[in-house]
Amino acid sequence: MASRLRRALTDATPLPILVLAWRVYNRITFNALSHDEQPVQFRHGDIVLLCDACWNYRVSLAVRAAREAGARVVVMVHDLIPLRQPEFSAPLLTSIFGQWLAEMIDSADAIVCNSAATMSEVQRFAAERGWNVPPLGYFRLGSDVPGRADATSVRQELVEITAKGTACFAAVGSIELRKNYRMLMSAFDQLWSQGHDVRLVIAGRPTPECRDLVDAITSHPERGGRFLPMFDATDAELNHLYSACRALVFPSLAEGFGLPLVEARTRGALVIASDIPVFRELADDGVLLFDRFSLPALVNRLLDVARTDRGASVAPMRPFTWGDSARQLVAVTNRLIASAE
């Protein structure tokens, strides 16, 4: 639905009409999907944790019903990218997301975020608008370290490009504007034109708004040689890529957390990442930061890591599993609810 609405969005289409169409479409879809389900019966003392993309449906109805029954409502905020960096979102999403955030801050008993950076951004954003916010907290997302993948479950072209001897870099994440893949490709084009024998694997789902970039990636002259795009990488292949690459390159311009950074570091890979607040929060000795707007800075980081394999000298990040993450989320949620009483 979102991709169709984005394609329909033009300068000539009034935003209020799109918002109305989006709400009607969402209501029809939600009713169709939930037709055979029984409504949840809220009770006094319940805690309702809204941790998905709840701006995408009529969550205000559930919030109102829960609070009327004596339950407490905790909302998770993953990031404020549609509001702080609207250039990476359609105007429709910015409008809908902004309305949702205002409603949730006004009606929730507590807000939990996926990082200290996101929590700070929520605090600043609310203060700028004079909003009174409920108790705020944050927890960390997890990353389970799987066992070694069966070689037969990894495509041969991935095994070959990550073979020992040549520095192979990985980039993991959907192909969208904020991931900064254009700068990444420019950096490698520069290195290849200068004769540096480095390799690159991009593993990420393509998105409609970056169709021209996906086309450029697909038709790149180095594809099949020193460059491998994978739009459908499996979990086993991602695990192999993290374990075999010289470093993960994460040049993102905006993130709420940045799970690939943690996934790579817990597997022992170095990470070259843009210098943004949440990456500074997560960084350990194996994370090398660079100015997210500087192509020369990225190229220099890549050259440094390509020339000297320092991965073995840096210990992997201590595992923080999804079980650890869930326990931390429960503890933070209980603490926030207690402070709101």
Protein backbone atom coordinates (compact mmCIF):
# COMPACT_ATOMS: atom_id res chain seq x y z
CA MET A 1 0.00 0.00 0.00
CA ALA A 2 2.70 2.48 1.01
CA SER A 3 4.58 2.07 -2.27
CA ARG A 4 1.40 2.64 -4.30
CA LEU A 5 0.59 5.76 -2.33
CA ARG A 6 4.11 7.09 -2.79
CA ARG A 7 3.93 6.54 -6.52
CA ALA A 8 0.59 8.35 -6.54
CA LEU A 9 2.01 11.31 -4.66
CA THR A 10 2.61 14.30 -6.94
CA ASP A 11 2.94 18.03 -6.43
CA ALA A 12 -0.52 18.43 -7.93
CA THR A 13 -2.21 16.13 -5.41
CA PRO A 14 -3.45 17.96 -2.28
CA LEU A 15 -2.06 16.33 0.85
CA PRO A 16 -5.42 16.32 2.75
CA ILE A 17 -6.96 14.22 -0.04
CA LEU A 18 -4.12 11.71 0.20
CA VAL A 19 -4.42 11.56 3.98
CA LEU A 20 -8.13 10.83 3.67
CA ALA A 21 -7.52 8.17 1.01
CA TRP A 22 -4.82 6.58 3.14
CA ARG A 23 -7.09 6.43 6.19
CA VAL A 24 -9.98 4.92 4.23
CA TYR A 25 -7.73 2.33 2.59
CA ASN A 26 -6.16 1.46 5.93
CA ARG A 27 -9.53 1.08 7.62
CA ILE A 28 -10.80 -1.26 4.89
CA THR A 29 -7.61 -3.33 4.98
CA PHE A 30 -7.52 -3.55 8.78
CA ASN A 31 -11.18 -4.56 8.97
CA ALA A 32 -10.68 -7.24 6.32
CA LEU A 33 -7.63 -8.71 8.07
CA SER A 34 -9.23 -8.68 11.52
CA HIS A 35 -12.72 -9.76 10.50
CA ASP A 36 -12.50 -13.19 12.16
CA GLU A 37 -10.56 -12.06 15.23
CA GLN A 38 -12.06 -11.43 18.65
CA PRO A 39 -11.43 -7.96 20.14
CA VAL A 40 -8.91 -7.90 22.98
CA GLN A 41 -10.53 -7.43 26.37
CA PHE A 42 -8.46 -5.00 28.40
CA ARG A 43 -8.44 -5.23 32.19
CA HIS A 44 -7.38 -3.01 35.04
CA GLY A 45 -3.65 -3.47 35.65
CA ASP A 46 -2.83 -4.56 32.08
CA ILE A 47 0.09 -2.95 30.29
CA VAL A 48 -0.46 -2.49 26.56
CA LEU A 49 2.88 -2.22 24.75
CA LEU A 50 2.60 -0.82 21.22
CA CYS A 51 5.98 -1.72 19.76
CA ASP A 52 5.28 -2.03 16.03
CA ALA A 53 4.58 0.65 13.41
CA CYS A 54 1.33 1.54 15.14
CA TRP A 55 1.02 4.84 13.30
CA ASN A 56 -0.06 2.69 10.37
CA TYR A 57 -3.54 1.90 11.73
CA ARG A 58 -6.23 3.36 14.04
CA VAL A 59 -4.30 2.70 17.22
CA SER A 60 -6.03 5.57 19.02
CA LEU A 61 -9.14 3.37 19.34
CA ALA A 62 -7.16 0.68 21.19
CA VAL A 63 -5.43 3.27 23.37
CA ARG A 64 -8.76 4.80 24.38
CA ALA A 65 -10.36 1.41 25.11
CA ALA A 66 -7.34 0.27 27.14
CA ARG A 67 -7.23 3.36 29.29
CA GLU A 68 -11.00 3.33 29.87
CA ALA A 69 -10.61 -0.24 31.19
CA GLY A 70 -7.84 0.82 33.57
CA ALA A 71 -4.90 -0.49 31.55
CA ARG A 72 -1.66 1.43 31.04
CA VAL A 73 -0.36 2.18 27.54
CA VAL A 74 3.32 2.26 26.57
CA VAL A 75 4.30 3.33 23.04
CA MET A 76 7.61 2.52 21.37
CA VAL A 77 9.24 5.14 19.13
CA HIS A 78 11.81 3.73 16.71
CA ASP A 79 12.96 7.04 15.23
CA LEU A 80 11.80 10.52 14.21
CA ILE A 81 13.19 10.36 10.68
CA PRO A 82 9.89 11.35 8.97
CA LEU A 83 9.88 14.55 11.05
CA ARG A 84 13.57 15.36 11.48
CA GLN A 85 14.70 14.29 7.99
CA PRO A 86 11.52 14.60 5.93
CA GLU A 87 13.54 14.53 2.71
CA PHE A 88 13.76 10.75 3.20
CA SER A 89 9.99 10.29 3.45
CA ALA A 90 6.95 11.08 1.36
CA PRO A 91 4.99 14.13 2.59
CA LEU A 92 2.07 11.79 3.32
CA LEU A 93 4.17 9.75 5.75
CA THR A 94 5.50 12.90 7.45
CA SER A 95 1.95 14.14 7.97
CA ILE A 96 0.53 10.85 9.26
CA PHE A 97 3.53 10.15 11.48
CA GLY A 98 3.43 13.64 12.98
CA GLN A 99 -0.25 13.32 13.87
CA TRP A 100 0.36 9.90 15.42
CA LEU A 101 3.26 11.14 17.54
CA ALA A 102 1.24 14.07 18.87
CA GLU A 103 -1.63 11.72 19.78
CA MET A 104 0.63 9.18 21.47
CA ILE A 105 2.55 11.73 23.53
CA ASP A 106 -0.76 13.16 24.69
CA SER A 107 -2.42 9.83 25.53
CA ALA A 108 0.28 7.27 26.43
CA ASP A 109 1.35 6.59 30.00
CA ALA A 110 4.99 6.13 28.95
CA ILE A 111 7.22 6.11 25.88
CA VAL A 112 10.07 3.68 25.30
CA CYS A 113 12.69 4.15 22.57
CA ASN A 114 15.17 1.81 20.88
CA SER A 115 18.22 3.90 21.77
CA ALA A 116 19.33 6.80 23.95
CA ALA A 117 19.78 8.81 20.75
CA THR A 118 16.14 8.32 19.77
CA MET A 119 14.98 9.17 23.29
CA SER A 120 16.98 12.41 23.24
CA GLU A 121 15.48 13.28 19.86
CA VAL A 122 11.95 12.75 21.20
CA GLN A 123 12.73 14.97 24.19
CA ARG A 124 14.10 17.75 21.98
CA PHE A 125 11.27 17.53 19.48
CA ALA A 126 8.62 17.69 22.21
CA ALA A 127 10.36 20.59 23.97
CA GLU A 128 10.48 22.58 20.71
CA ARG A 129 6.69 22.25 20.48
CA GLY A 130 5.95 22.77 24.14
CA TRP A 131 4.52 19.28 24.60
CA ASN A 132 4.36 17.66 28.01
CA VAL A 133 5.81 14.17 27.60
CA PRO A 134 5.05 11.12 29.75
CA PRO A 135 7.96 9.21 31.36
CA LEU A 136 10.59 8.30 28.75
CA GLY A 137 13.05 5.42 28.64
CA TYR A 138 15.05 3.32 26.21
CA PHE A 139 16.39 -0.18 25.74
CA ARG A 140 18.76 -1.82 23.29
CA LEU A 141 17.83 -4.06 20.38
CA GLY A 142 19.33 -7.54 20.27
CA SER A 143 21.34 -9.69 17.92
CA ASP A 144 21.58 -13.46 18.24
CA VAL A 145 24.81 -15.01 16.98
CA PRO A 146 23.93 -18.08 14.88
CA GLY A 147 26.11 -21.10 14.36
CA ARG A 148 28.32 -21.45 11.29
CA ALA A 149 26.27 -21.64 8.13
CA ASP A 150 26.33 -24.75 5.97
CA ALA A 151 28.43 -23.89 2.92
CA THR A 152 25.83 -25.49 0.66
CA SER A 153 23.24 -22.89 1.81
CA VAL A 154 25.38 -19.97 0.57
CA ARG A 155 25.49 -19.08 -3.11
CA GLN A 156 28.79 -19.85 -4.79
CA GLU A 157 29.19 -16.31 -6.10
CA LEU A 158 29.10 -15.01 -2.52
CA VAL A 159 31.63 -17.61 -1.37
CA GLU A 160 33.97 -16.63 -4.22
CA ILE A 161 33.81 -12.85 -3.77
CA THR A 162 34.44 -13.12 -0.02
CA ALA A 163 37.31 -15.59 -0.39
CA LYS A 164 40.45 -14.81 1.60
CA GLY A 165 43.15 -12.75 -0.02
CA THR A 166 41.29 -9.66 -1.20
CA ALA A 167 39.55 -7.10 0.98
CA CYS A 168 35.80 -7.55 0.59
CA PHE A 169 33.45 -5.03 2.16
CA ALA A 170 29.78 -5.53 2.96
CA ALA A 171 26.83 -3.15 3.02
CA VAL A 172 23.59 -4.43 4.54
CA GLY A 173 20.25 -2.64 4.45
CA SER A 174 17.38 -1.77 2.15
CA ILE A 175 18.16 0.36 -0.90
CA GLU A 176 16.72 3.71 0.17
CA LEU A 177 17.91 7.31 0.14
CA ARG A 178 18.90 7.65 3.79
CA LYS A 179 21.21 4.63 3.58
CA ASN A 180 23.57 6.76 1.45
CA TYR A 181 24.33 4.08 -1.13
CA ARG A 182 25.11 6.71 -3.76
CA MET A 183 28.11 7.87 -1.74
CA LEU A 184 29.10 4.26 -1.12
CA MET A 185 29.08 3.48 -4.85
CA SER A 186 30.98 6.69 -5.61
CA ALA A 187 33.64 5.69 -3.08
CA PHE A 188 34.14 2.27 -4.66
CA ASP A 189 34.04 3.68 -8.20
CA GLN A 190 36.88 5.97 -7.15
CA LEU A 191 38.87 3.12 -5.63
CA TRP A 192 38.37 0.88 -8.66
CA SER A 193 39.32 3.67 -11.08
CA GLN A 194 42.54 4.15 -9.11
CA GLY A 195 43.40 0.46 -9.48
CA HIS A 196 42.65 -0.72 -5.94
CA ASP A 197 41.57 -4.37 -5.90
CA VAL A 198 38.74 -4.19 -3.38
CA ARG A 199 35.40 -5.94 -3.49
CA LEU A 200 31.90 -4.95 -2.42
CA VAL A 201 28.74 -6.91 -1.61
CA ILE A 202 25.47 -5.04 -1.12
CA ALA A 203 22.73 -7.07 0.55
CA GLY A 204 19.45 -5.20 0.73
CA ARG A 205 15.87 -5.10 -0.45
CA PRO A 206 15.21 -2.62 -3.29
CA THR A 207 12.57 0.07 -2.78
CA PRO A 208 10.40 1.76 -5.44
CA GLU A 209 11.64 5.28 -4.67
CA CYS A 210 15.22 4.28 -5.52
CA ARG A 211 14.48 2.50 -8.77
CA ASP A 212 17.11 4.50 -10.67
CA LEU A 213 19.78 3.60 -8.11
CA VAL A 214 18.75 -0.05 -8.19
CA ASP A 215 19.02 0.02 -11.99
CA ALA A 216 22.50 1.57 -11.74
CA ILE A 217 23.56 -1.09 -9.24
CA THR A 218 22.15 -3.91 -11.36
CA SER A 219 23.91 -2.70 -14.52
CA HIS A 220 27.21 -1.68 -12.87
CA PRO A 221 30.23 -2.73 -14.98
CA GLU A 222 31.92 -4.34 -11.96
CA ARG A 223 28.95 -6.61 -11.30
CA GLY A 224 30.04 -10.21 -11.69
CA GLY A 225 33.61 -9.24 -10.89
CA ARG A 226 34.46 -7.14 -7.87
CA PHE A 227 30.88 -6.18 -7.10
CA LEU A 228 27.96 -8.38 -6.05
CA PRO A 229 24.47 -6.98 -5.33
CA MET A 230 22.12 -9.35 -3.49
CA PHE A 231 18.51 -8.22 -3.26
CA ASP A 232 17.32 -11.50 -1.72
CA ALA A 233 20.07 -12.61 0.66
CA THR A 234 19.05 -15.30 3.14
CA ASP A 235 19.86 -15.29 6.86
CA ALA A 236 22.57 -17.89 6.24
CA GLU A 237 24.11 -15.72 3.51
CA LEU A 238 24.04 -12.62 5.72
CA ASN A 239 25.75 -14.59 8.47
CA HIS A 240 28.44 -15.72 6.01
CA LEU A 241 28.86 -12.17 4.71
CA TYR A 242 29.30 -10.68 8.20
CA SER A 243 31.80 -13.37 9.11
CA ALA A 244 33.85 -13.25 5.90
CA CYS A 245 33.95 -9.53 5.02
CA ARG A 246 36.87 -7.26 5.89
CA ALA A 247 34.39 -4.72 7.27
CA LEU A 248 30.76 -3.68 7.16
CA VAL A 249 30.32 -0.24 5.58
CA PHE A 250 27.35 1.63 7.06
CA PRO A 251 27.27 5.18 5.61
CA SER A 252 23.67 5.91 6.65
CA LEU A 253 22.53 9.51 7.02
CA ALA A 254 19.85 8.77 9.63
CA GLU A 255 19.03 5.80 11.86
CA GLY A 256 17.03 5.09 14.97
CA PHE A 257 19.29 2.19 15.91
CA GLY A 258 21.26 0.50 13.13
CA LEU A 259 21.00 -3.25 13.63
CA PRO A 260 23.60 -4.26 10.98
CA LEU A 261 26.30 -2.49 13.03
CA VAL A 262 25.57 -4.70 16.04
CA GLU A 263 25.13 -7.83 13.93
CA ALA A 264 28.52 -7.30 12.28
CA ARG A 265 30.39 -6.48 15.47
CA THR A 266 29.04 -9.45 17.43
CA ARG A 267 30.37 -11.63 14.62
CA GLY A 268 33.79 -9.99 14.86
CA ALA A 269 33.70 -7.82 11.72
CA LEU A 270 35.01 -4.28 11.75
CA VAL A 271 32.49 -1.54 10.93
CA ILE A 272 33.03 1.68 9.01
CA ALA A 273 30.07 3.87 9.95
CA SER A 274 28.88 7.43 9.54
CA ASP A 275 29.33 9.66 12.57
CA ILE A 276 25.72 9.98 13.74
CA PRO A 277 24.51 9.98 17.37
CA VAL A 278 23.23 6.41 17.57
CA PHE A 279 26.37 4.98 15.98
CA ARG A 280 28.48 6.87 18.51
CA GLU A 281 26.27 5.35 21.20
CA LEU A 282 26.78 1.80 19.92
CA ALA A 283 30.42 2.08 18.84
CA ASP A 284 33.20 0.03 20.41
CA ASP A 285 36.85 -0.30 19.39
CA GLY A 286 35.83 -2.09 16.21
CA VAL A 287 33.73 0.79 14.83
CA LEU A 288 35.50 3.43 12.71
CA LEU A 289 33.44 6.59 12.26
CA PHE A 290 33.64 9.12 9.42
CA ASP A 291 31.90 12.34 8.42
CA ARG A 292 28.68 11.15 6.75
CA PHE A 293 28.83 13.95 4.15
CA SER A 294 32.50 13.51 3.22
CA LEU A 295 33.34 11.22 0.32
CA PRO A 296 37.12 11.62 0.90
CA ALA A 297 36.68 10.59 4.54
CA LEU A 298 34.87 7.42 3.51
CA VAL A 299 37.46 6.60 0.84
CA ASN A 300 40.28 7.04 3.35
CA ARG A 301 38.59 4.73 5.85
CA LEU A 302 38.11 2.09 3.16
CA LEU A 303 41.74 2.34 2.04
CA ASP A 304 43.02 2.08 5.59
CA VAL A 305 41.04 -1.08 6.31
CA ALA A 306 41.81 -2.57 2.88
CA ARG A 307 45.55 -2.19 3.41
CA THR A 308 45.64 -3.59 6.93
CA ASP A 309 43.35 -6.32 8.18
CA ARG A 310 42.86 -5.32 11.81
CA GLY A 311 39.85 -7.50 12.48
CA ALA A 312 41.81 -10.15 14.39
CA SER A 313 43.21 -7.55 16.79
CA VAL A 314 39.79 -6.27 17.90
CA ALA A 315 37.61 -8.49 20.08
CA PRO A 316 34.01 -9.02 18.93
CA MET A 317 31.29 -7.01 20.61
CA ARG A 318 29.82 -8.82 23.61
CA PRO A 319 26.63 -10.58 22.50
CA PHE A 320 23.38 -8.94 23.55
CA THR A 321 20.68 -11.36 22.44
CA TRP A 322 17.05 -10.77 21.61
CA GLY A 323 16.28 -12.47 24.90
CA ASP A 324 18.46 -9.89 26.68
CA SER A 325 16.69 -7.16 24.73
CA ALA A 326 13.23 -8.45 25.69
CA ARG A 327 14.16 -8.64 29.38
CA GLN A 328 15.54 -5.12 29.29
CA LEU A 329 12.40 -3.86 27.55
CA VAL A 330 10.18 -5.43 30.23
CA ALA A 331 12.29 -3.94 33.02
CA VAL A 332 12.29 -0.47 31.47
CA THR A 333 8.54 -0.65 30.80
CA ASN A 334 7.78 -1.63 34.40
CA ARG A 335 10.00 1.16 35.71
CA LEU A 336 8.31 3.76 33.51
CA ILE A 337 4.84 2.64 34.52
CA ALA A 338 5.83 2.76 38.21
CA SER A 339 7.16 6.29 37.79
CA ALA A 340 3.92 7.38 36.12
CA GLU A 341 1.79 6.33 39.10
